[in-house]
Amino acid sequence: MNDQEILNLFETTGAIQHGHFILSSGKRSGTYCQCSKLFIDPRVGSKVCDELKSRVDKQITSKIDLIISPALGGLLVGYELARSIGCDFMFYERSGEQFELRRGFSIKEQANVLFVEDVITTGKSTNECLEKLNQLNINLLGIATIVDRSNEVLFDNFEIISLLKIDIPVYDSDNLPDDLEKIKPIKPGSRIVR
């Protein structure tokens, strides 16, 4: 699929939404990527993850023992990508303010891990999880996401592998453009913003 076909898929499934959104980072945007909409129809979710898999270097794909994702956003894409690759899947979830491996999950030493997200904007959730992974004796092979909406290099040792790279402006709440000022903001994500 080319970028326009992917963008069309996002538009038709409602995975791209327009309005005034409070992002999990606390920043604001007129466009929101709700990737979970891609998984309402499992055939579409499978197609999206197959396309993401094709963008991960085949040498990396053949080495992956485990895909790990953050809950809640990364669950569907992480699981489906792991199913497609044929590797294990686990997830971090918030316990209070921190991401933790729960439910009896433990990562084997020297495991080859691919970290998978649904959307990366500021990299905050990804970095929180990577801090936890860096404390373990594992081999992090890369970072993949359905949508990369970052505007800068976020990770020292890895380029983001993405299905769709889009430049969507984000704003501080005290520096909004006039059109967003007129729309009541909503918080669609799963993280509580303080």
Protein backbone atom coordinates (compact mmCIF):
# COMPACT_ATOMS: atom_id res chain seq x y z
CA MET A 1 0.00 0.00 0.00
CA ASN A 2 1.26 3.47 -0.76
CA ASP A 3 0.89 6.47 1.57
CA GLN A 4 -2.29 7.72 -0.11
CA GLU A 5 -3.97 4.30 0.13
CA ILE A 6 -3.03 4.10 3.80
CA LEU A 7 -4.32 7.62 4.44
CA ASN A 8 -7.58 6.77 2.63
CA LEU A 9 -7.95 3.67 4.84
CA PHE A 10 -7.50 5.84 7.94
CA GLU A 11 -10.10 8.32 6.72
CA THR A 12 -12.70 5.68 5.76
CA THR A 13 -12.37 3.79 9.07
CA GLY A 14 -12.41 6.94 11.19
CA ALA A 15 -8.87 6.34 12.42
CA ILE A 16 -8.12 9.97 11.52
CA GLN A 17 -10.41 12.36 13.38
CA HIS A 18 -10.74 16.14 13.22
CA GLY A 19 -11.67 18.52 16.04
CA HIS A 20 -9.85 19.81 19.14
CA PHE A 21 -8.04 17.08 21.02
CA ILE A 22 -6.04 16.94 24.23
CA LEU A 23 -3.21 14.47 23.55
CA SER A 24 -1.77 12.14 26.19
CA SER A 25 1.24 14.49 26.42
CA GLY A 26 -1.11 17.33 27.41
CA LYS A 27 -0.50 19.12 24.12
CA ARG A 28 -3.37 20.00 21.77
CA SER A 29 -4.08 19.08 18.16
CA GLY A 30 -6.77 19.56 15.52
CA THR A 31 -6.23 16.01 14.26
CA TYR A 32 -6.25 12.78 16.27
CA CYS A 33 -5.17 9.30 15.23
CA GLN A 34 -7.49 6.71 16.78
CA CYS A 35 -5.79 3.57 15.46
CA SER A 36 -8.13 1.26 17.36
CA LYS A 37 -10.74 2.07 14.67
CA LEU A 38 -8.54 0.14 12.21
CA PHE A 39 -9.18 -3.01 14.25
CA ILE A 40 -12.99 -2.92 14.32
CA ASP A 41 -12.87 -5.11 11.21
CA PRO A 42 -10.23 -7.77 11.95
CA ARG A 43 -9.47 -8.07 8.22
CA VAL A 44 -8.47 -4.40 8.12
CA GLY A 45 -6.38 -4.76 11.30
CA SER A 46 -4.64 -7.77 9.81
CA LYS A 47 -3.98 -5.92 6.55
CA VAL A 48 -2.54 -2.92 8.46
CA CYS A 49 -0.23 -5.14 10.52
CA ASP A 50 0.88 -7.14 7.49
CA GLU A 51 1.84 -3.85 5.85
CA LEU A 52 3.70 -2.73 9.00
CA LYS A 53 5.46 -6.11 9.10
CA SER A 54 6.65 -5.57 5.52
CA ARG A 55 8.32 -2.33 6.64
CA VAL A 56 10.30 -4.01 9.43
CA ASP A 57 13.66 -5.19 8.09
CA LYS A 58 13.43 -8.91 7.30
CA GLN A 59 16.68 -9.54 9.19
CA ILE A 60 15.06 -8.04 12.28
CA THR A 61 11.78 -9.91 11.75
CA SER A 62 13.52 -13.28 11.65
CA LYS A 63 15.19 -12.61 15.03
CA ILE A 64 12.18 -11.32 17.03
CA ASP A 65 11.36 -13.43 20.10
CA LEU A 66 8.92 -10.98 21.65
CA ILE A 67 6.88 -7.93 20.79
CA ILE A 68 6.10 -5.68 23.70
CA SER A 69 3.64 -2.79 23.64
CA PRO A 70 2.16 -0.31 26.08
CA ALA A 71 -1.47 -0.66 27.09
CA LEU A 72 -3.85 0.52 26.02
CA GLY A 73 -3.05 1.94 22.59
CA GLY A 74 -0.40 -0.55 21.54
CA LEU A 75 -2.28 -3.72 22.51
CA LEU A 76 -4.10 -4.44 19.27
CA VAL A 77 -1.26 -3.61 16.89
CA GLY A 78 1.33 -5.36 19.06
CA TYR A 79 -0.73 -8.53 19.36
CA GLU A 80 -1.67 -8.66 15.69
CA LEU A 81 1.90 -7.99 14.57
CA ALA A 82 3.19 -10.73 16.91
CA ARG A 83 0.58 -13.13 15.50
CA SER A 84 1.67 -12.25 11.97
CA ILE A 85 5.37 -12.71 12.75
CA GLY A 86 4.83 -15.79 14.91
CA CYS A 87 6.47 -14.55 18.10
CA ASP A 88 5.37 -13.96 21.69
CA PHE A 89 3.57 -10.83 22.85
CA MET A 90 3.44 -9.01 26.20
CA PHE A 91 2.44 -5.56 27.30
CA TYR A 92 3.24 -2.91 29.83
CA GLU A 93 0.34 -1.37 31.67
CA ARG A 94 0.08 1.56 34.03
CA SER A 95 0.20 0.86 37.73
CA GLY A 96 -0.35 4.26 39.27
CA GLU A 97 1.91 6.63 37.36
CA GLN A 98 4.39 4.01 36.05
CA PHE A 99 4.35 1.35 33.36
CA GLU A 100 4.87 -2.15 34.77
CA LEU A 101 4.90 -5.72 33.51
CA ARG A 102 2.02 -7.33 35.40
CA ARG A 103 -0.09 -10.50 35.10
CA GLY A 104 2.95 -12.69 35.75
CA PHE A 105 4.75 -11.48 32.61
CA SER A 106 8.51 -11.79 32.64
CA ILE A 107 10.92 -11.32 29.77
CA LYS A 108 13.65 -13.92 29.27
CA GLU A 109 17.23 -12.72 29.38
CA GLN A 110 18.74 -12.00 25.98
CA ALA A 111 15.30 -11.98 24.35
CA ASN A 112 15.19 -10.14 21.02
CA VAL A 113 12.46 -7.56 21.48
CA LEU A 114 10.60 -5.29 19.07
CA PHE A 115 8.75 -2.45 20.78
CA VAL A 116 5.43 -1.63 19.06
CA GLU A 117 3.09 1.35 19.53
CA ASP A 118 -0.03 2.54 17.75
CA VAL A 119 0.92 6.24 17.53
CA ILE A 120 4.12 8.03 18.47
CA THR A 121 3.88 11.81 18.87
CA THR A 122 6.19 13.00 21.65
CA GLY A 123 7.55 9.55 22.53
CA LYS A 124 6.60 9.94 26.20
CA SER A 125 4.91 6.54 26.67
CA THR A 126 7.51 4.80 24.51
CA ASN A 127 10.37 6.31 26.49
CA GLU A 128 8.74 5.34 29.78
CA CYS A 129 8.57 1.72 28.61
CA LEU A 130 12.07 1.80 27.11
CA GLU A 131 13.44 2.93 30.49
CA LYS A 132 11.96 -0.25 31.97
CA LEU A 133 13.29 -2.42 29.13
CA ASN A 134 16.78 -0.89 29.46
CA GLN A 135 16.92 -2.24 33.01
CA LEU A 136 16.58 -5.78 31.66
CA ASN A 137 19.15 -7.95 29.93
CA ILE A 138 17.41 -7.95 26.52
CA ASN A 139 18.26 -7.01 22.94
CA LEU A 140 16.01 -4.21 21.72
CA LEU A 141 15.84 -4.62 17.94
CA GLY A 142 13.72 -1.61 17.06
CA ILE A 143 10.67 0.57 17.57
CA ALA A 144 7.66 0.25 15.25
CA THR A 145 4.36 2.10 15.13
CA ILE A 146 1.35 2.43 12.88
CA VAL A 147 1.57 6.25 12.88
CA ASP A 148 4.66 8.35 13.42
CA ARG A 149 3.55 11.92 13.98
CA SER A 150 6.79 13.02 15.64
CA ASN A 151 8.57 16.03 14.24
CA GLU A 152 12.03 15.31 15.61
CA VAL A 153 14.42 12.49 16.43
CA LEU A 154 13.04 10.95 19.64
CA PHE A 155 15.19 7.89 20.25
CA ASP A 156 18.98 7.81 20.34
CA ASN A 157 19.65 4.42 18.79
CA PHE A 158 16.60 3.74 16.65
CA GLU A 159 14.70 5.25 13.77
CA ILE A 160 10.96 4.78 14.05
CA ILE A 161 9.59 2.13 11.69
CA SER A 162 6.12 3.29 10.70
CA LEU A 163 3.26 2.57 8.39
CA LEU A 164 2.35 6.23 8.08
CA LYS A 165 4.51 9.29 8.76
CA ILE A 166 2.37 12.41 9.03
CA ASP A 167 3.11 15.92 10.14
CA ILE A 168 0.23 17.08 12.31
CA PRO A 169 0.87 20.28 14.26
CA VAL A 170 0.63 20.15 18.05
CA TYR A 171 0.21 23.13 20.32
CA ASP A 172 0.58 24.10 23.94
CA SER A 173 -2.79 24.83 25.54
CA ASP A 174 -1.86 28.48 26.02
CA ASN A 175 -0.81 28.95 22.39
CA LEU A 176 -3.70 27.64 20.28
CA PRO A 177 -4.59 28.81 16.79
CA ASP A 178 -7.92 30.67 16.50
CA ASP A 179 -9.78 27.76 14.86
CA LEU A 180 -8.97 25.41 17.79
CA GLU A 181 -9.86 28.08 20.37
CA LYS A 182 -13.45 27.95 19.05
CA ILE A 183 -13.86 24.18 19.55
CA LYS A 184 -14.39 22.55 22.95
CA PRO A 185 -11.45 20.17 23.54
CA ILE A 186 -11.93 16.46 24.20
CA LYS A 187 -9.50 13.91 25.65
CA PRO A 188 -9.89 10.73 23.56
CA GLY A 189 -6.83 8.74 24.78
CA SER A 190 -6.49 6.38 27.71
CA ARG A 191 -3.93 8.29 29.78
CA ILE A 192 -5.16 10.73 32.40
CA VAL A 193 -3.70 14.17 31.75
CA ARG A 194 -3.00 16.25 34.83
